[in-house]
Amino acid sequence: MKKILVAGANGQIGKHLVTFIQKSDNMEAKAMIRSKEQASFFEELGAETVVADLEESVDSIAKAAEDIDAVVFTAGSGGHTGKDKTVMVDLDGAVKTIEATKSAGVKRFVMISSFDTTREAILEANASFAPYVAAKHYADEWLKRADLDYTIIHPGLLTNDEGTGQVNLAPKVERDEIPREDIARVILASLENDKTIGKEFQVVGGTKSIKEAVESI
């Protein structure tokens, strides 16, 4: 049974992911949360919880990653925070989680990024969105150089619609929407398929089953 640490478990994608992991036959989740008050949702699923803050030390995150087989970074500062939180969570929090993963001796890492984190995307973004794209760009680049078995998932515009289980997934796709529930399913499928190691891809709603789409990457 593989144990998956979900950083950002209390977010919307994180909650879907922990739910799906707990329903799977070969994985169990360890939900990384900021405070014990967030634990009840995960405890009802039978998932282990660990309190650790992305704005604290690498060592505290590494402690959370003990006895773990893979780490998934689904955390984000959210659309209503300032540039300071974007730097501290989406960039520094991601980098610290990568370093903590290495420190804990874990090799597998799945990153939930932004749809387009190229340098061109930073230049094209408006003034309020550019810091977020830049933070994601450098976090992705850090991961690629970290000597981990990484997968970087670039989701389209996230919605709270019910998932369909159908996606369009490739290194480059047309920008479109995708339910958060389906991103959680894509993460799970990526953890189950070693073909996704060393890969990054964009994913939006589409017509191909998630398992088939991930298999074809």
N, C-alpha and C. Protein backbone atom coordinates (compact mmCIF):
# COMPACT_ATOMS: atom_id res chain seq x y z
N MET A 1 0.85 -1.20 0.00
CA MET A 1 0.00 0.00 0.00
C MET A 1 0.88 1.25 0.00
N LYS A 2 0.78 2.05 -1.03
CA LYS A 2 1.58 3.28 -1.11
C LYS A 2 0.90 4.40 -0.33
N LYS A 3 1.73 5.18 0.39
CA LYS A 3 1.19 6.30 1.16
C LYS A 3 1.56 7.61 0.46
N ILE A 4 0.53 8.44 0.23
CA ILE A 4 0.70 9.68 -0.52
C ILE A 4 0.50 10.88 0.39
N LEU A 5 1.51 11.73 0.50
CA LEU A 5 1.36 12.98 1.25
C LEU A 5 0.75 14.04 0.34
N VAL A 6 -0.37 14.59 0.73
CA VAL A 6 -1.04 15.63 -0.05
C VAL A 6 -0.82 16.97 0.64
N ALA A 7 0.06 17.80 0.06
CA ALA A 7 0.29 19.15 0.58
C ALA A 7 -0.78 20.07 -0.01
N GLY A 8 -1.47 20.79 0.85
CA GLY A 8 -2.61 21.57 0.40
C GLY A 8 -3.87 20.73 0.42
N ALA A 9 -3.93 19.75 1.31
CA ALA A 9 -5.05 18.81 1.34
C ALA A 9 -6.38 19.49 1.60
N ASN A 10 -6.37 20.60 2.33
CA ASN A 10 -7.63 21.25 2.68
C ASN A 10 -8.18 22.13 1.56
N GLY A 11 -7.45 22.24 0.45
CA GLY A 11 -7.97 22.95 -0.71
C GLY A 11 -8.97 22.08 -1.45
N GLN A 12 -9.60 22.66 -2.47
CA GLN A 12 -10.67 21.93 -3.14
C GLN A 12 -10.15 20.72 -3.91
N ILE A 13 -9.05 20.88 -4.65
CA ILE A 13 -8.47 19.74 -5.34
C ILE A 13 -7.97 18.72 -4.32
N GLY A 14 -7.33 19.21 -3.26
CA GLY A 14 -6.79 18.33 -2.24
C GLY A 14 -7.84 17.45 -1.60
N LYS A 15 -9.00 18.02 -1.30
CA LYS A 15 -10.07 17.23 -0.68
C LYS A 15 -10.58 16.14 -1.63
N HIS A 16 -10.75 16.50 -2.90
CA HIS A 16 -11.15 15.49 -3.89
C HIS A 16 -10.09 14.38 -3.96
N LEU A 17 -8.82 14.79 -4.00
CA LEU A 17 -7.74 13.82 -4.15
C LEU A 17 -7.67 12.85 -2.97
N VAL A 18 -7.73 13.37 -1.76
CA VAL A 18 -7.68 12.50 -0.58
C VAL A 18 -8.86 11.53 -0.61
N THR A 19 -10.02 12.02 -1.01
CA THR A 19 -11.21 11.15 -1.10
C THR A 19 -10.97 10.02 -2.08
N PHE A 20 -10.43 10.34 -3.28
CA PHE A 20 -10.18 9.31 -4.29
C PHE A 20 -9.09 8.33 -3.86
N ILE A 21 -8.05 8.85 -3.22
CA ILE A 21 -6.97 7.97 -2.75
C ILE A 21 -7.52 6.98 -1.73
N GLN A 22 -8.34 7.47 -0.82
CA GLN A 22 -8.89 6.60 0.22
C GLN A 22 -9.82 5.53 -0.36
N LYS A 23 -10.39 5.79 -1.51
CA LYS A 23 -11.25 4.81 -2.17
C LYS A 23 -10.47 3.84 -3.05
N SER A 24 -9.19 4.12 -3.30
CA SER A 24 -8.39 3.28 -4.19
C SER A 24 -7.95 2.01 -3.46
N ASP A 25 -7.52 1.03 -4.25
CA ASP A 25 -7.13 -0.27 -3.67
C ASP A 25 -5.68 -0.33 -3.24
N ASN A 26 -4.85 0.57 -3.78
CA ASN A 26 -3.41 0.42 -3.55
C ASN A 26 -2.73 1.65 -2.98
N MET A 27 -3.51 2.62 -2.52
CA MET A 27 -2.94 3.83 -1.94
C MET A 27 -3.71 4.26 -0.70
N GLU A 28 -3.03 5.01 0.14
CA GLU A 28 -3.68 5.67 1.28
C GLU A 28 -3.09 7.07 1.40
N ALA A 29 -3.89 7.99 1.89
CA ALA A 29 -3.48 9.39 1.93
C ALA A 29 -3.03 9.81 3.32
N LYS A 30 -2.08 10.74 3.32
CA LYS A 30 -1.70 11.46 4.53
C LYS A 30 -1.94 12.94 4.20
N ALA A 31 -2.93 13.53 4.83
CA ALA A 31 -3.34 14.89 4.52
C ALA A 31 -2.53 15.89 5.32
N MET A 32 -1.79 16.75 4.62
CA MET A 32 -1.01 17.79 5.29
C MET A 32 -1.88 19.03 5.41
N ILE A 33 -2.15 19.44 6.64
CA ILE A 33 -3.06 20.55 6.92
C ILE A 33 -2.35 21.58 7.79
N ARG A 34 -2.90 22.80 7.79
CA ARG A 34 -2.27 23.89 8.54
C ARG A 34 -2.64 23.89 10.02
N SER A 35 -3.81 23.34 10.34
CA SER A 35 -4.23 23.34 11.74
C SER A 35 -5.10 22.12 12.03
N LYS A 36 -5.12 21.72 13.28
CA LYS A 36 -5.87 20.53 13.69
C LYS A 36 -7.37 20.71 13.43
N GLU A 37 -7.83 21.98 13.38
CA GLU A 37 -9.26 22.25 13.14
C GLU A 37 -9.71 21.76 11.76
N GLN A 38 -8.75 21.55 10.86
CA GLN A 38 -9.09 21.10 9.50
C GLN A 38 -9.13 19.57 9.39
N ALA A 39 -8.88 18.86 10.47
CA ALA A 39 -8.66 17.42 10.41
C ALA A 39 -9.92 16.59 10.23
N SER A 40 -11.07 17.07 10.70
CA SER A 40 -12.25 16.21 10.78
C SER A 40 -12.68 15.64 9.42
N PHE A 41 -12.63 16.44 8.37
CA PHE A 41 -13.01 15.97 7.03
C PHE A 41 -12.21 14.73 6.65
N PHE A 42 -10.91 14.77 6.92
CA PHE A 42 -10.02 13.68 6.52
C PHE A 42 -10.13 12.48 7.45
N GLU A 43 -10.33 12.74 8.72
CA GLU A 43 -10.48 11.65 9.68
C GLU A 43 -11.74 10.83 9.38
N GLU A 44 -12.79 11.51 8.89
CA GLU A 44 -14.01 10.79 8.52
C GLU A 44 -13.78 9.87 7.32
N LEU A 45 -12.79 10.20 6.50
CA LEU A 45 -12.43 9.35 5.36
C LEU A 45 -11.48 8.23 5.77
N GLY A 46 -11.02 8.27 7.01
CA GLY A 46 -10.04 7.29 7.47
C GLY A 46 -8.62 7.63 7.09
N ALA A 47 -8.39 8.89 6.69
CA ALA A 47 -7.06 9.32 6.26
C ALA A 47 -6.26 9.86 7.44
N GLU A 48 -4.98 9.58 7.42
CA GLU A 48 -4.06 10.14 8.41
C GLU A 48 -3.89 11.63 8.13
N THR A 49 -3.70 12.43 9.18
CA THR A 49 -3.43 13.85 9.00
C THR A 49 -2.12 14.22 9.69
N VAL A 50 -1.50 15.29 9.19
CA VAL A 50 -0.29 15.82 9.81
C VAL A 50 -0.35 17.34 9.68
N VAL A 51 -0.04 18.03 10.77
CA VAL A 51 -0.07 19.49 10.77
C VAL A 51 1.31 20.01 10.41
N ALA A 52 1.38 20.77 9.32
CA ALA A 52 2.63 21.40 8.89
C ALA A 52 2.27 22.61 8.04
N ASP A 53 3.04 23.67 8.18
CA ASP A 53 2.75 24.93 7.49
C ASP A 53 3.81 25.16 6.43
N LEU A 54 3.38 25.47 5.21
CA LEU A 54 4.31 25.71 4.10
C LEU A 54 5.18 26.94 4.33
N GLU A 55 4.79 27.80 5.25
CA GLU A 55 5.59 28.98 5.54
C GLU A 55 6.58 28.75 6.68
N GLU A 56 6.61 27.50 7.18
CA GLU A 56 7.59 27.17 8.23
C GLU A 56 8.81 26.49 7.60
N SER A 57 9.57 25.76 8.38
CA SER A 57 10.86 25.25 7.92
C SER A 57 10.74 24.03 7.01
N VAL A 58 11.80 23.79 6.25
CA VAL A 58 11.90 22.58 5.43
C VAL A 58 11.81 21.35 6.33
N ASP A 59 12.46 21.43 7.50
CA ASP A 59 12.49 20.28 8.41
C ASP A 59 11.09 19.87 8.85
N SER A 60 10.21 20.85 9.10
CA SER A 60 8.86 20.50 9.55
C SER A 60 8.08 19.80 8.44
N ILE A 61 8.31 20.20 7.19
CA ILE A 61 7.65 19.53 6.06
C ILE A 61 8.27 18.16 5.84
N ALA A 62 9.59 18.06 5.98
CA ALA A 62 10.27 16.77 5.83
C ALA A 62 9.77 15.77 6.87
N LYS A 63 9.50 16.24 8.07
CA LYS A 63 8.97 15.37 9.12
C LYS A 63 7.60 14.83 8.69
N ALA A 64 6.80 15.68 8.04
CA ALA A 64 5.49 15.26 7.56
C ALA A 64 5.62 14.20 6.46
N ALA A 65 6.75 14.23 5.74
CA ALA A 65 6.97 13.32 4.61
C ALA A 65 7.65 12.01 5.01
N GLU A 66 7.82 11.79 6.29
CA GLU A 66 8.42 10.52 6.74
C GLU A 66 7.49 9.35 6.41
N ASP A 67 8.05 8.23 5.99
CA ASP A 67 7.29 7.01 5.68
C ASP A 67 6.28 7.24 4.55
N ILE A 68 6.66 8.06 3.58
CA ILE A 68 5.79 8.42 2.46
C ILE A 68 6.40 7.86 1.17
N ASP A 69 5.54 7.48 0.22
CA ASP A 69 6.01 6.98 -1.07
C ASP A 69 5.96 8.04 -2.17
N ALA A 70 5.11 9.05 -2.01
CA ALA A 70 5.00 10.11 -3.01
C ALA A 70 4.42 11.35 -2.36
N VAL A 71 4.78 12.51 -2.92
CA VAL A 71 4.27 13.79 -2.45
C VAL A 71 3.52 14.46 -3.60
N VAL A 72 2.34 14.99 -3.29
CA VAL A 72 1.58 15.78 -4.27
C VAL A 72 1.44 17.20 -3.73
N PHE A 73 1.84 18.18 -4.53
CA PHE A 73 1.72 19.59 -4.12
C PHE A 73 0.52 20.19 -4.80
N THR A 74 -0.57 20.35 -4.05
CA THR A 74 -1.80 20.96 -4.58
C THR A 74 -2.07 22.32 -3.94
N ALA A 75 -1.13 22.79 -3.14
CA ALA A 75 -1.35 24.02 -2.37
C ALA A 75 -1.31 25.25 -3.28
N GLY A 76 -2.00 26.30 -2.84
CA GLY A 76 -1.95 27.56 -3.56
C GLY A 76 -2.38 28.68 -2.63
N SER A 77 -1.90 29.87 -2.92
CA SER A 77 -2.21 31.01 -2.05
C SER A 77 -3.64 31.50 -2.26
N GLY A 78 -4.24 31.13 -3.40
CA GLY A 78 -5.62 31.57 -3.66
C GLY A 78 -5.66 32.91 -4.38
N GLY A 79 -6.79 33.17 -5.00
CA GLY A 79 -6.90 34.36 -5.84
C GLY A 79 -7.12 35.65 -5.08
N HIS A 80 -7.33 35.58 -3.77
CA HIS A 80 -7.67 36.79 -3.00
C HIS A 80 -6.53 37.25 -2.10
N THR A 81 -5.35 36.68 -2.29
CA THR A 81 -4.21 37.09 -1.47
C THR A 81 -3.30 38.00 -2.30
N GLY A 82 -2.34 38.61 -1.62
CA GLY A 82 -1.43 39.53 -2.30
C GLY A 82 -0.20 38.83 -2.83
N LYS A 83 0.70 39.63 -3.42
CA LYS A 83 1.92 39.09 -4.01
C LYS A 83 2.80 38.41 -2.95
N ASP A 84 2.72 38.91 -1.70
CA ASP A 84 3.54 38.31 -0.65
C ASP A 84 3.19 36.84 -0.43
N LYS A 85 1.90 36.52 -0.37
CA LYS A 85 1.49 35.12 -0.18
C LYS A 85 1.80 34.28 -1.41
N THR A 86 1.72 34.90 -2.59
CA THR A 86 2.08 34.17 -3.81
C THR A 86 3.53 33.71 -3.74
N VAL A 87 4.40 34.59 -3.28
CA VAL A 87 5.82 34.23 -3.15
C VAL A 87 6.00 33.19 -2.04
N MET A 88 5.35 33.38 -0.90
CA MET A 88 5.59 32.53 0.25
C MET A 88 4.99 31.13 0.10
N VAL A 89 3.89 30.99 -0.63
CA VAL A 89 3.24 29.69 -0.77
C VAL A 89 3.54 29.05 -2.13
N ASP A 90 3.19 29.76 -3.21
CA ASP A 90 3.30 29.17 -4.54
C ASP A 90 4.74 28.99 -5.00
N LEU A 91 5.64 29.81 -4.50
CA LEU A 91 7.05 29.66 -4.86
C LEU A 91 7.84 29.04 -3.71
N ASP A 92 7.99 29.77 -2.60
CA ASP A 92 8.83 29.28 -1.51
C ASP A 92 8.26 28.02 -0.88
N GLY A 93 6.93 27.97 -0.71
CA GLY A 93 6.31 26.77 -0.14
C GLY A 93 6.53 25.55 -1.02
N ALA A 94 6.43 25.76 -2.34
CA ALA A 94 6.66 24.65 -3.28
C ALA A 94 8.12 24.19 -3.23
N VAL A 95 9.04 25.16 -3.26
CA VAL A 95 10.47 24.81 -3.23
C VAL A 95 10.82 24.09 -1.93
N LYS A 96 10.30 24.58 -0.81
CA LYS A 96 10.58 23.91 0.47
C LYS A 96 10.01 22.50 0.50
N THR A 97 8.85 22.31 -0.12
CA THR A 97 8.26 20.96 -0.16
C THR A 97 9.11 20.04 -1.03
N ILE A 98 9.64 20.55 -2.12
CA ILE A 98 10.55 19.76 -2.97
C ILE A 98 11.80 19.37 -2.18
N GLU A 99 12.39 20.35 -1.50
CA GLU A 99 13.60 20.06 -0.71
C GLU A 99 13.29 19.11 0.45
N ALA A 100 12.13 19.25 1.07
CA ALA A 100 11.72 18.35 2.15
C ALA A 100 11.52 16.93 1.64
N THR A 101 10.97 16.82 0.43
CA THR A 101 10.79 15.50 -0.19
C THR A 101 12.13 14.81 -0.37
N LYS A 102 13.11 15.55 -0.87
CA LYS A 102 14.46 14.99 -1.03
C LYS A 102 15.06 14.61 0.32
N SER A 103 14.90 15.50 1.29
CA SER A 103 15.45 15.27 2.62
C SER A 103 14.85 14.02 3.26
N ALA A 104 13.58 13.77 2.99
CA ALA A 104 12.89 12.59 3.56
C ALA A 104 13.18 11.31 2.79
N GLY A 105 13.94 11.43 1.70
CA GLY A 105 14.30 10.25 0.92
C GLY A 105 13.18 9.76 0.01
N VAL A 106 12.23 10.64 -0.30
CA VAL A 106 11.12 10.29 -1.19
C VAL A 106 11.51 10.71 -2.61
N LYS A 107 11.18 9.89 -3.61
CA LYS A 107 11.56 10.19 -4.99
C LYS A 107 10.42 10.74 -5.84
N ARG A 108 9.19 10.36 -5.56
CA ARG A 108 8.06 10.68 -6.45
C ARG A 108 7.40 11.98 -6.02
N PHE A 109 7.20 12.89 -6.99
CA PHE A 109 6.62 14.20 -6.69
C PHE A 109 5.71 14.62 -7.83
N VAL A 110 4.48 14.97 -7.50
CA VAL A 110 3.53 15.47 -8.49
C VAL A 110 3.19 16.92 -8.15
N MET A 111 3.39 17.80 -9.11
CA MET A 111 3.15 19.24 -8.92
C MET A 111 1.92 19.68 -9.70
N ILE A 112 1.00 20.36 -9.02
CA ILE A 112 -0.10 21.01 -9.71
C ILE A 112 0.31 22.45 -9.95
N SER A 113 0.49 22.77 -11.21
CA SER A 113 1.03 24.07 -11.60
C SER A 113 -0.08 24.95 -12.14
N SER A 114 0.28 25.93 -12.95
CA SER A 114 -0.68 26.77 -13.65
C SER A 114 -0.69 26.35 -15.12
N PHE A 115 -1.72 26.74 -15.87
CA PHE A 115 -1.90 26.23 -17.23
C PHE A 115 -0.69 26.47 -18.11
N ASP A 116 -0.12 27.67 -18.05
CA ASP A 116 1.06 27.99 -18.87
C ASP A 116 2.04 28.73 -17.99
N THR A 117 3.21 28.13 -17.77
CA THR A 117 4.21 28.76 -16.90
C THR A 117 5.49 29.07 -17.67
N THR A 118 5.38 29.22 -18.98
CA THR A 118 6.54 29.60 -19.78
C THR A 118 6.91 31.05 -19.51
N ARG A 119 8.12 31.43 -19.91
CA ARG A 119 8.53 32.84 -19.76
C ARG A 119 7.61 33.75 -20.56
N GLU A 120 7.16 33.25 -21.73
CA GLU A 120 6.24 34.04 -22.56
C GLU A 120 4.94 34.33 -21.80
N ALA A 121 4.47 33.32 -21.05
CA ALA A 121 3.22 33.49 -20.30
C ALA A 121 3.37 34.56 -19.21
N ILE A 122 4.55 34.63 -18.61
CA ILE A 122 4.79 35.67 -17.60
C ILE A 122 4.69 37.05 -18.24
N LEU A 123 5.32 37.20 -19.41
CA LEU A 123 5.33 38.49 -20.10
C LEU A 123 3.94 38.89 -20.59
N GLU A 124 3.14 37.89 -20.95
CA GLU A 124 1.81 38.17 -21.50
C GLU A 124 0.75 38.39 -20.41
N ALA A 125 1.03 37.94 -19.19
CA ALA A 125 0.04 38.05 -18.11
C ALA A 125 -0.15 39.49 -17.68
N ASN A 126 -1.35 39.81 -17.18
CA ASN A 126 -1.58 41.17 -16.68
C ASN A 126 -0.84 41.37 -15.35
N ALA A 127 -0.80 42.62 -14.91
CA ALA A 127 0.04 42.97 -13.75
C ALA A 127 -0.32 42.20 -12.49
N SER A 128 -1.61 41.90 -12.31
CA SER A 128 -2.01 41.20 -11.09
C SER A 128 -1.73 39.70 -11.14
N PHE A 129 -1.74 39.13 -12.36
CA PHE A 129 -1.57 37.68 -12.51
C PHE A 129 -0.11 37.27 -12.74
N ALA A 130 0.69 38.19 -13.26
CA ALA A 130 2.08 37.87 -13.61
C ALA A 130 2.90 37.33 -12.43
N PRO A 131 2.76 37.88 -11.20
CA PRO A 131 3.55 37.32 -10.08
C PRO A 131 3.23 35.85 -9.81
N TYR A 132 1.97 35.48 -9.97
CA TYR A 132 1.57 34.08 -9.76
C TYR A 132 2.20 33.18 -10.82
N VAL A 133 2.13 33.60 -12.09
CA VAL A 133 2.72 32.81 -13.17
C VAL A 133 4.23 32.68 -12.96
N ALA A 134 4.87 33.78 -12.55
CA ALA A 134 6.32 33.74 -12.30
C ALA A 134 6.65 32.78 -11.17
N ALA A 135 5.86 32.83 -10.10
CA ALA A 135 6.10 31.93 -8.96
C ALA A 135 5.99 30.48 -9.41
N LYS A 136 4.96 30.16 -10.18
CA LYS A 136 4.76 28.80 -10.67
C LYS A 136 5.89 28.40 -11.63
N HIS A 137 6.32 29.33 -12.47
CA HIS A 137 7.41 29.06 -13.41
C HIS A 137 8.66 28.61 -12.67
N TYR A 138 9.07 29.37 -11.66
CA TYR A 138 10.31 29.04 -10.96
C TYR A 138 10.17 27.81 -10.08
N ALA A 139 8.98 27.58 -9.53
CA ALA A 139 8.76 26.34 -8.77
C ALA A 139 8.88 25.13 -9.69
N ASP A 140 8.29 25.23 -10.88
CA ASP A 140 8.38 24.13 -11.85
C ASP A 140 9.84 23.88 -12.25
N GLU A 141 10.56 24.95 -12.52
CA GLU A 141 11.96 24.81 -12.93
C GLU A 141 12.80 24.19 -11.82
N TRP A 142 12.53 24.57 -10.58
CA TRP A 142 13.25 24.00 -9.44
C TRP A 142 13.00 22.50 -9.37
N LEU A 143 11.75 22.10 -9.57
CA LEU A 143 11.39 20.68 -9.52
C LEU A 143 12.11 19.89 -10.61
N LYS A 144 12.18 20.45 -11.81
CA LYS A 144 12.82 19.74 -12.92
C LYS A 144 14.30 19.48 -12.67
N ARG A 145 14.91 20.32 -11.83
CA ARG A 145 16.33 20.19 -11.54
C ARG A 145 16.60 19.47 -10.22
N ALA A 146 15.57 18.94 -9.60
CA ALA A 146 15.68 18.41 -8.23
C ALA A 146 16.03 16.93 -8.15
N ASP A 147 16.22 16.27 -9.28
CA ASP A 147 16.53 14.83 -9.29
C ASP A 147 15.46 14.01 -8.59
N LEU A 148 14.20 14.37 -8.86
CA LEU A 148 13.06 13.60 -8.35
C LEU A 148 12.29 13.01 -9.53
N ASP A 149 11.51 11.99 -9.26
CA ASP A 149 10.63 11.41 -10.28
C ASP A 149 9.37 12.26 -10.35
N TYR A 150 9.46 13.33 -11.13
CA TYR A 150 8.41 14.35 -11.10
C TYR A 150 7.38 14.17 -12.21
N THR A 151 6.19 14.70 -11.95
CA THR A 151 5.17 14.95 -12.96
C THR A 151 4.62 16.34 -12.68
N ILE A 152 4.52 17.17 -13.73
CA ILE A 152 3.97 18.52 -13.57
C ILE A 152 2.68 18.60 -14.38
N ILE A 153 1.58 18.88 -13.68
CA ILE A 153 0.26 18.95 -14.30
C ILE A 153 -0.16 20.41 -14.41
N HIS A 154 -0.49 20.83 -15.64
CA HIS A 154 -0.90 22.21 -15.92
C HIS A 154 -2.40 22.23 -16.23
N PRO A 155 -3.25 22.48 -15.24
CA PRO A 155 -4.69 22.45 -15.49
C PRO A 155 -5.20 23.73 -16.16
N GLY A 156 -6.29 23.58 -16.93
CA GLY A 156 -6.97 24.73 -17.49
C GLY A 156 -7.72 25.49 -16.42
N LEU A 157 -8.66 26.31 -16.82
CA LEU A 157 -9.44 27.11 -15.87
C LEU A 157 -10.26 26.19 -14.99
N LEU A 158 -10.01 26.25 -13.69
CA LEU A 158 -10.63 25.31 -12.76
C LEU A 158 -12.06 25.72 -12.42
N THR A 159 -12.95 24.73 -12.42
CA THR A 159 -14.35 24.97 -12.05
C THR A 159 -14.75 24.00 -10.94
N ASN A 160 -15.89 24.28 -10.33
CA ASN A 160 -16.44 23.38 -9.32
C ASN A 160 -17.54 22.49 -9.89
N ASP A 161 -17.61 22.40 -11.21
CA ASP A 161 -18.57 21.50 -11.84
C ASP A 161 -18.27 20.06 -11.47
N GLU A 162 -19.27 19.22 -11.57
CA GLU A 162 -19.04 17.79 -11.33
C GLU A 162 -18.12 17.25 -12.42
N GLY A 163 -17.18 16.40 -12.02
CA GLY A 163 -16.25 15.84 -12.98
C GLY A 163 -16.93 14.91 -13.97
N THR A 164 -16.35 14.83 -15.18
CA THR A 164 -16.89 13.96 -16.22
C THR A 164 -16.03 12.73 -16.44
N GLY A 165 -14.78 12.79 -15.97
CA GLY A 165 -13.85 11.70 -16.24
C GLY A 165 -13.30 11.73 -17.65
N GLN A 166 -13.60 12.77 -18.41
CA GLN A 166 -13.17 12.91 -19.81
C GLN A 166 -12.30 14.16 -19.94
N VAL A 167 -11.14 14.02 -20.58
CA VAL A 167 -10.20 15.14 -20.67
C VAL A 167 -9.55 15.22 -22.05
N ASN A 168 -8.92 16.36 -22.27
CA ASN A 168 -7.98 16.55 -23.38
C ASN A 168 -6.65 16.82 -22.72
N LEU A 169 -5.68 15.95 -22.93
CA LEU A 169 -4.42 15.98 -22.18
C LEU A 169 -3.25 15.78 -23.15
N ALA A 170 -2.31 16.72 -23.14
CA ALA A 170 -1.14 16.65 -24.02
C ALA A 170 -0.13 17.69 -23.54
N PRO A 171 1.11 17.66 -24.07
CA PRO A 171 2.06 18.71 -23.69
C PRO A 171 1.51 20.11 -23.94
N LYS A 172 0.73 20.27 -25.04
CA LYS A 172 0.09 21.56 -25.34
C LYS A 172 -1.35 21.30 -25.78
N VAL A 173 -2.32 21.97 -25.18
CA VAL A 173 -3.71 21.88 -25.60
C VAL A 173 -4.30 23.29 -25.64
N GLU A 174 -5.44 23.43 -26.28
CA GLU A 174 -6.14 24.72 -26.29
C GLU A 174 -6.65 25.03 -24.88
N ARG A 175 -6.52 26.26 -24.48
CA ARG A 175 -6.97 26.68 -23.15
C ARG A 175 -8.48 26.47 -23.01
N ASP A 176 -8.91 25.86 -21.93
CA ASP A 176 -10.33 25.59 -21.70
C ASP A 176 -10.53 25.32 -20.21
N GLU A 177 -11.74 24.98 -19.83
CA GLU A 177 -12.06 24.70 -18.43
C GLU A 177 -11.86 23.23 -18.10
N ILE A 178 -11.76 22.96 -16.79
CA ILE A 178 -11.76 21.58 -16.30
C ILE A 178 -12.22 21.57 -14.84
N PRO A 179 -13.09 20.65 -14.46
CA PRO A 179 -13.51 20.57 -13.05
C PRO A 179 -12.35 20.15 -12.14
N ARG A 180 -12.30 20.72 -10.95
CA ARG A 180 -11.27 20.34 -9.98
C ARG A 180 -11.32 18.84 -9.67
N GLU A 181 -12.52 18.29 -9.67
CA GLU A 181 -12.67 16.86 -9.40
C GLU A 181 -11.91 16.03 -10.43
N ASP A 182 -11.92 16.45 -11.70
CA ASP A 182 -11.19 15.71 -12.73
C ASP A 182 -9.69 15.89 -12.61
N ILE A 183 -9.23 17.06 -12.13
CA ILE A 183 -7.80 17.22 -11.88
C ILE A 183 -7.35 16.24 -10.80
N ALA A 184 -8.15 16.07 -9.78
CA ALA A 184 -7.81 15.09 -8.74
C ALA A 184 -7.72 13.69 -9.33
N ARG A 185 -8.61 13.37 -10.25
CA ARG A 185 -8.56 12.05 -10.91
C ARG A 185 -7.30 11.92 -11.78
N VAL A 186 -6.91 13.01 -12.43
CA VAL A 186 -5.68 12.99 -13.25
C VAL A 186 -4.46 12.78 -12.36
N ILE A 187 -4.45 13.42 -11.19
CA ILE A 187 -3.34 13.21 -10.25
C ILE A 187 -3.26 11.74 -9.85
N LEU A 188 -4.39 11.17 -9.49
CA LEU A 188 -4.42 9.77 -9.08
C LEU A 188 -3.93 8.86 -10.20
N ALA A 189 -4.40 9.10 -11.43
CA ALA A 189 -3.97 8.29 -12.57
C ALA A 189 -2.48 8.45 -12.83
N SER A 190 -1.96 9.66 -12.59
CA SER A 190 -0.52 9.90 -12.78
C SER A 190 0.31 9.15 -11.74
N LEU A 191 -0.19 9.10 -10.52
CA LEU A 191 0.51 8.35 -9.47
C LEU A 191 0.52 6.85 -9.77
N GLU A 192 -0.51 6.41 -10.47
CA GLU A 192 -0.63 4.98 -10.78
C GLU A 192 0.14 4.57 -12.02
N ASN A 193 0.61 5.55 -12.80
CA ASN A 193 1.24 5.24 -14.08
C ASN A 193 2.63 5.87 -14.16
N ASP A 194 3.67 5.03 -14.12
CA ASP A 194 5.05 5.53 -14.15
C ASP A 194 5.43 6.17 -15.48
N LYS A 195 4.59 6.03 -16.50
CA LYS A 195 4.84 6.71 -17.77
C LYS A 195 4.84 8.24 -17.61
N THR A 196 4.20 8.72 -16.55
CA THR A 196 4.12 10.17 -16.34
C THR A 196 5.36 10.74 -15.68
N ILE A 197 6.27 9.89 -15.26
CA ILE A 197 7.50 10.38 -14.60
C ILE A 197 8.36 11.13 -15.62
N GLY A 198 8.80 12.31 -15.22
CA GLY A 198 9.61 13.15 -16.10
C GLY A 198 8.80 13.89 -17.15
N LYS A 199 7.49 13.90 -17.00
CA LYS A 199 6.61 14.53 -17.99
C LYS A 199 5.90 15.74 -17.38
N GLU A 200 5.54 16.68 -18.25
CA GLU A 200 4.62 17.75 -17.86
C GLU A 200 3.61 17.90 -18.99
N PHE A 201 2.38 18.22 -18.63
CA PHE A 201 1.33 18.30 -19.63
C PHE A 201 0.21 19.22 -19.18
N GLN A 202 -0.48 19.78 -20.18
CA GLN A 202 -1.66 20.58 -19.94
C GLN A 202 -2.89 19.68 -20.02
N VAL A 203 -3.92 20.02 -19.27
CA VAL A 203 -5.13 19.19 -19.27
C VAL A 203 -6.37 20.07 -19.10
N VAL A 204 -7.35 19.82 -19.97
CA VAL A 204 -8.65 20.51 -19.92
C VAL A 204 -9.74 19.46 -20.13
N GLY A 205 -10.98 19.88 -20.01
CA GLY A 205 -12.07 18.97 -20.28
C GLY A 205 -12.01 18.50 -21.73
N GLY A 206 -12.44 17.25 -21.98
CA GLY A 206 -12.34 16.72 -23.33
C GLY A 206 -13.19 15.49 -23.53
N THR A 207 -12.72 14.59 -24.39
CA THR A 207 -13.52 13.43 -24.79
C THR A 207 -12.84 12.10 -24.53
N LYS A 208 -11.62 12.13 -24.02
CA LYS A 208 -10.88 10.88 -23.80
C LYS A 208 -10.91 10.54 -22.31
N SER A 209 -11.06 9.28 -21.98
CA SER A 209 -11.05 8.89 -20.57
C SER A 209 -9.72 9.25 -19.93
N ILE A 210 -9.75 9.58 -18.65
CA ILE A 210 -8.53 10.01 -17.97
C ILE A 210 -7.45 8.93 -18.02
N LYS A 211 -7.83 7.68 -17.76
CA LYS A 211 -6.85 6.60 -17.78
C LYS A 211 -6.20 6.48 -19.15
N GLU A 212 -7.00 6.54 -20.21
CA GLU A 212 -6.48 6.44 -21.58
C GLU A 212 -5.60 7.64 -21.91
N ALA A 213 -6.04 8.84 -21.50
CA ALA A 213 -5.28 10.05 -21.79
C ALA A 213 -3.91 10.03 -21.10
N VAL A 214 -3.89 9.61 -19.85
CA VAL A 214 -2.63 9.54 -19.10
C VAL A 214 -1.73 8.46 -19.68
N GLU A 215 -2.30 7.35 -20.08
CA GLU A 215 -1.54 6.25 -20.68
C GLU A 215 -0.85 6.70 -21.97
N SER A 216 -1.49 7.62 -22.70
CA SER A 216 -0.97 8.04 -24.01
C SER A 216 0.10 9.12 -23.91
N ILE A 217 0.35 9.65 -22.72
CA ILE A 217 1.29 10.76 -22.57
C ILE A 217 2.73 10.27 -22.74
